[in-house]
Amino acid sequence: MDTIIILSEWVKLRNLSMQQIKERCSISDSQIRQNSSYIKLTNLTALHNPAQFPGTFYFQDGKFVLLYVGAGPELDQMDRKTLWDYLGGQGVKLQSRVEKRAVHHVYPELGIAFSADPESVSILEIFPPMTIEQYQATIYRDPGLFIK
């Protein structure tokens, strides 16, 4: 499937309620983790059924806060240049936590961020639109220098 079609469909998921995500992704109670966290976000409810959807949905107090998709076949088919073209450039470039060569491209006003190295996209985050300052204060943590 095309990079932009996949991204567009996944972005639409942030508008669904927790119950709608549970139903759409066939998430059972055993696939829900309470008191979960994602980087700086805490006290989250995480929903994940890898057989139905590659990502983890995070809710806080019943409200969607983030969809995380990590490295795997779904991101392997995404192309960073296509994402740049579609999203309007390279976005705000931050250091990625993935590896030294990767860059974390953030489009806070669109509610999208991804990490990519020259060969592949390895992390995709979808969240409610916000400012870069809000993203850095609530989600992003600088990983520091990579040391061999």
C-alpha atoms as a PDB file:
ATOM      1  CA  MET A   1       0.000   0.000   0.000  1.00  0.00           C
ATOM      2  CA  ASP A   2       1.121   3.561  -0.674  1.00  0.00           C
ATOM      3  CA  THR A   3       2.953   5.491   2.092  1.00  0.00           C
ATOM      4  CA  ILE A   4       0.494   8.403   2.006  1.00  0.00           C
ATOM      5  CA  ILE A   5      -2.611   6.199   2.009  1.00  0.00           C
ATOM      6  CA  ILE A   6      -1.316   4.284   5.044  1.00  0.00           C
ATOM      7  CA  LEU A   7      -0.390   7.473   6.897  1.00  0.00           C
ATOM      8  CA  SER A   8      -3.731   9.123   6.097  1.00  0.00           C
ATOM      9  CA  GLU A   9      -5.683   6.102   7.343  1.00  0.00           C
ATOM     10  CA  TRP A  10      -3.634   5.915  10.538  1.00  0.00           C
ATOM     11  CA  VAL A  11      -4.041   9.656  11.245  1.00  0.00           C
ATOM     12  CA  LYS A  12      -7.836   9.202  11.107  1.00  0.00           C
ATOM     13  CA  LEU A  13      -7.579   6.722  13.998  1.00  0.00           C
ATOM     14  CA  ARG A  14      -6.684   9.485  16.462  1.00  0.00           C
ATOM     15  CA  ASN A  15     -10.288  10.703  16.202  1.00  0.00           C
ATOM     16  CA  LEU A  16     -11.705   7.431  17.533  1.00  0.00           C
ATOM     17  CA  SER A  17     -12.632   6.768  21.142  1.00  0.00           C
ATOM     18  CA  MET A  18     -10.913   4.104  23.208  1.00  0.00           C
ATOM     19  CA  GLN A  19     -13.984   1.888  22.797  1.00  0.00           C
ATOM     20  CA  GLN A  20     -13.945   2.355  19.023  1.00  0.00           C
ATOM     21  CA  ILE A  21     -10.232   1.413  18.886  1.00  0.00           C
ATOM     22  CA  LYS A  22     -10.915  -1.661  21.028  1.00  0.00           C
ATOM     23  CA  GLU A  23     -13.640  -2.761  18.629  1.00  0.00           C
ATOM     24  CA  ARG A  24     -11.853  -1.870  15.397  1.00  0.00           C
ATOM     25  CA  CYS A  25      -8.615  -3.631  16.409  1.00  0.00           C
ATOM     26  CA  SER A  26     -10.283  -6.519  18.285  1.00  0.00           C
ATOM     27  CA  ILE A  27      -8.431  -5.618  21.477  1.00  0.00           C
ATOM     28  CA  SER A  28      -9.214  -7.883  24.402  1.00  0.00           C
ATOM     29  CA  ASP A  29      -8.840  -6.928  28.056  1.00  0.00           C
ATOM     30  CA  SER A  30      -5.585  -8.920  28.192  1.00  0.00           C
ATOM     31  CA  GLN A  31      -4.164  -6.611  25.490  1.00  0.00           C
ATOM     32  CA  ILE A  32      -4.753  -3.471  27.558  1.00  0.00           C
ATOM     33  CA  ARG A  33      -2.057  -2.221  29.942  1.00  0.00           C
ATOM     34  CA  GLN A  34      -2.954   0.256  32.656  1.00  0.00           C
ATOM     35  CA  ASN A  35      -0.391   2.640  34.210  1.00  0.00           C
ATOM     36  CA  SER A  36       1.707   2.492  31.070  1.00  0.00           C
ATOM     37  CA  SER A  37       4.121   5.152  29.860  1.00  0.00           C
ATOM     38  CA  TYR A  38       5.657   6.401  26.617  1.00  0.00           C
ATOM     39  CA  ILE A  39       8.787   8.528  26.990  1.00  0.00           C
ATOM     40  CA  LYS A  40       7.529  11.513  29.070  1.00  0.00           C
ATOM     41  CA  LEU A  41       3.852  10.538  28.975  1.00  0.00           C
ATOM     42  CA  THR A  42       2.732   8.643  32.085  1.00  0.00           C
ATOM     43  CA  ASN A  43      -0.449   7.194  33.602  1.00  0.00           C
ATOM     44  CA  LEU A  44      -1.479   5.887  30.203  1.00  0.00           C
ATOM     45  CA  THR A  45      -3.747   3.094  29.074  1.00  0.00           C
ATOM     46  CA  ALA A  46      -2.003   1.207  26.257  1.00  0.00           C
ATOM     47  CA  LEU A  47      -3.989  -0.846  23.737  1.00  0.00           C
ATOM     48  CA  HIS A  48      -2.141  -3.222  21.421  1.00  0.00           C
ATOM     49  CA  ASN A  49      -3.211  -6.185  19.314  1.00  0.00           C
ATOM     50  CA  PRO A  50      -0.348  -6.865  16.872  1.00  0.00           C
ATOM     51  CA  ALA A  51      -2.433  -9.400  14.963  1.00  0.00           C
ATOM     52  CA  GLN A  52      -4.852  -6.616  13.986  1.00  0.00           C
ATOM     53  CA  PHE A  53      -2.767  -3.428  13.945  1.00  0.00           C
ATOM     54  CA  PRO A  54       1.011  -2.792  14.136  1.00  0.00           C
ATOM     55  CA  GLY A  55       0.880   0.094  16.590  1.00  0.00           C
ATOM     56  CA  THR A  56       0.119   0.812  20.218  1.00  0.00           C
ATOM     57  CA  PHE A  57      -2.616   3.291  21.067  1.00  0.00           C
ATOM     58  CA  TYR A  58      -2.112   5.371  24.197  1.00  0.00           C
ATOM     59  CA  PHE A  59      -4.962   7.046  26.074  1.00  0.00           C
ATOM     60  CA  GLN A  60      -4.842   9.230  29.181  1.00  0.00           C
ATOM     61  CA  ASP A  61      -8.014   9.635  31.222  1.00  0.00           C
ATOM     62  CA  GLY A  62      -9.924   8.087  28.311  1.00  0.00           C
ATOM     63  CA  LYS A  63      -8.554  10.613  25.793  1.00  0.00           C
ATOM     64  CA  PHE A  64      -6.288   9.709  22.854  1.00  0.00           C
ATOM     65  CA  VAL A  65      -2.736  11.005  23.335  1.00  0.00           C
ATOM     66  CA  LEU A  66      -0.547   9.000  20.945  1.00  0.00           C
ATOM     67  CA  LEU A  67      -0.325   6.209  18.403  1.00  0.00           C
ATOM     68  CA  TYR A  68       3.127   4.623  18.220  1.00  0.00           C
ATOM     69  CA  VAL A  69       4.239   2.318  15.402  1.00  0.00           C
ATOM     70  CA  GLY A  70       7.720   0.838  15.710  1.00  0.00           C
ATOM     71  CA  ALA A  71      10.038  -0.788  13.198  1.00  0.00           C
ATOM     72  CA  GLY A  72       8.492  -3.613  11.247  1.00  0.00           C
ATOM     73  CA  PRO A  73       6.983  -4.568   7.912  1.00  0.00           C
ATOM     74  CA  GLU A  74       4.445  -1.724   7.969  1.00  0.00           C
ATOM     75  CA  LEU A  75       7.112   0.961   8.334  1.00  0.00           C
ATOM     76  CA  ASP A  76       9.507  -0.884   6.010  1.00  0.00           C
ATOM     77  CA  GLN A  77       7.187   0.002   3.147  1.00  0.00           C
ATOM     78  CA  MET A  78       7.198   3.710   4.038  1.00  0.00           C
ATOM     79  CA  ASP A  79       9.549   6.064   2.249  1.00  0.00           C
ATOM     80  CA  ARG A  80      10.997   9.066   4.097  1.00  0.00           C
ATOM     81  CA  LYS A  81      11.237  11.239   0.959  1.00  0.00           C
ATOM     82  CA  THR A  82       7.580  10.584   0.164  1.00  0.00           C
ATOM     83  CA  LEU A  83       6.723  11.540   3.756  1.00  0.00           C
ATOM     84  CA  TRP A  84       8.794  14.742   3.499  1.00  0.00           C
ATOM     85  CA  ASP A  85       7.086  15.691   0.233  1.00  0.00           C
ATOM     86  CA  TYR A  86       3.624  14.994   1.614  1.00  0.00           C
ATOM     87  CA  LEU A  87       4.206  16.667   4.990  1.00  0.00           C
ATOM     88  CA  GLY A  88       5.831  19.797   3.544  1.00  0.00           C
ATOM     89  CA  GLY A  89       9.565  19.321   4.065  1.00  0.00           C
ATOM     90  CA  GLN A  90      11.737  17.785   6.741  1.00  0.00           C
ATOM     91  CA  GLY A  91       9.824  19.327   9.646  1.00  0.00           C
ATOM     92  CA  VAL A  92      11.548  20.187  12.894  1.00  0.00           C
ATOM     93  CA  LYS A  93      14.625  17.966  13.045  1.00  0.00           C
ATOM     94  CA  LEU A  94      15.491  16.523  16.448  1.00  0.00           C
ATOM     95  CA  GLN A  95      17.886  13.804  17.511  1.00  0.00           C
ATOM     96  CA  SER A  96      16.359  10.347  17.199  1.00  0.00           C
ATOM     97  CA  ARG A  97      16.545   7.780  19.967  1.00  0.00           C
ATOM     98  CA  VAL A  98      16.853   4.997  17.366  1.00  0.00           C
ATOM     99  CA  GLU A  99      20.496   5.343  16.294  1.00  0.00           C
ATOM    100  CA  LYS A 100      23.173   7.898  15.459  1.00  0.00           C
ATOM    101  CA  ARG A 101      22.305   8.205  11.744  1.00  0.00           C
ATOM    102  CA  ALA A 102      18.562   8.586  12.310  1.00  0.00           C
ATOM    103  CA  VAL A 103      16.793  11.934  12.520  1.00  0.00           C
ATOM    104  CA  HIS A 104      13.461  12.517  14.246  1.00  0.00           C
ATOM    105  CA  HIS A 105      11.268  14.644  11.956  1.00  0.00           C
ATOM    106  CA  VAL A 106       8.440  16.389  13.814  1.00  0.00           C
ATOM    107  CA  TYR A 107       5.390  18.056  12.283  1.00  0.00           C
ATOM    108  CA  PRO A 108       3.713  19.147  15.516  1.00  0.00           C
ATOM    109  CA  GLU A 109       0.968  21.183  13.869  1.00  0.00           C
ATOM    110  CA  LEU A 110      -0.036  18.045  11.915  1.00  0.00           C
ATOM    111  CA  GLY A 111       0.368  15.724  14.907  1.00  0.00           C
ATOM    112  CA  ILE A 112       2.945  13.528  13.168  1.00  0.00           C
ATOM    113  CA  ALA A 113       6.572  12.619  13.901  1.00  0.00           C
ATOM    114  CA  PHE A 114       8.846   9.926  12.528  1.00  0.00           C
ATOM    115  CA  SER A 115      12.428   8.770  12.859  1.00  0.00           C
ATOM    116  CA  ALA A 116      14.316   7.747   9.757  1.00  0.00           C
ATOM    117  CA  ASP A 117      17.848   6.957   8.718  1.00  0.00           C
ATOM    118  CA  PRO A 118      18.957   7.044   5.066  1.00  0.00           C
ATOM    119  CA  GLU A 119      17.471   3.577   4.451  1.00  0.00           C
ATOM    120  CA  SER A 120      14.280   3.311   6.459  1.00  0.00           C
ATOM    121  CA  VAL A 121      11.574   4.759   8.671  1.00  0.00           C
ATOM    122  CA  SER A 122      11.848   3.190  12.125  1.00  0.00           C
ATOM    123  CA  ILE A 123       9.379   5.046  14.370  1.00  0.00           C
ATOM    124  CA  LEU A 124       6.096   6.765  13.610  1.00  0.00           C
ATOM    125  CA  GLU A 125       4.139   8.800  16.151  1.00  0.00           C
ATOM    126  CA  ILE A 126       0.662  10.236  15.596  1.00  0.00           C
ATOM    127  CA  PHE A 127      -0.707  12.588  18.237  1.00  0.00           C
ATOM    128  CA  PRO A 128      -3.139  15.508  18.556  1.00  0.00           C
ATOM    129  CA  PRO A 129      -1.782  18.617  16.800  1.00  0.00           C
ATOM    130  CA  MET A 130       0.275  20.861  19.093  1.00  0.00           C
ATOM    131  CA  THR A 131       3.170  23.298  19.047  1.00  0.00           C
ATOM    132  CA  ILE A 132       6.787  22.134  18.940  1.00  0.00           C
ATOM    133  CA  GLU A 133       7.167  23.497  22.469  1.00  0.00           C
ATOM    134  CA  GLN A 134       4.268  21.328  23.677  1.00  0.00           C
ATOM    135  CA  TYR A 135       5.703  18.282  21.886  1.00  0.00           C
ATOM    136  CA  GLN A 136       9.117  18.763  23.478  1.00  0.00           C
ATOM    137  CA  ALA A 137       7.599  19.402  26.906  1.00  0.00           C
ATOM    138  CA  THR A 138       5.135  16.492  26.921  1.00  0.00           C
ATOM    139  CA  ILE A 139       6.482  13.743  24.615  1.00  0.00           C
ATOM    140  CA  TYR A 140      10.058  14.164  23.334  1.00  0.00           C
ATOM    141  CA  ARG A 141      13.171  13.452  25.369  1.00  0.00           C
ATOM    142  CA  ASP A 142      16.582  14.176  23.873  1.00  0.00           C
ATOM    143  CA  PRO A 143      18.434  10.849  23.871  1.00  0.00           C
ATOM    144  CA  GLY A 144      21.842  12.461  24.306  1.00  0.00           C
ATOM    145  CA  LEU A 145      24.955  11.405  22.458  1.00  0.00           C
ATOM    146  CA  PHE A 146      25.299   7.909  21.044  1.00  0.00           C
ATOM    147  CA  ILE A 147      28.518   6.302  22.243  1.00  0.00           C
ATOM    148  CA  LYS A 148      30.007   3.223  20.594  1.00  0.00           C
END
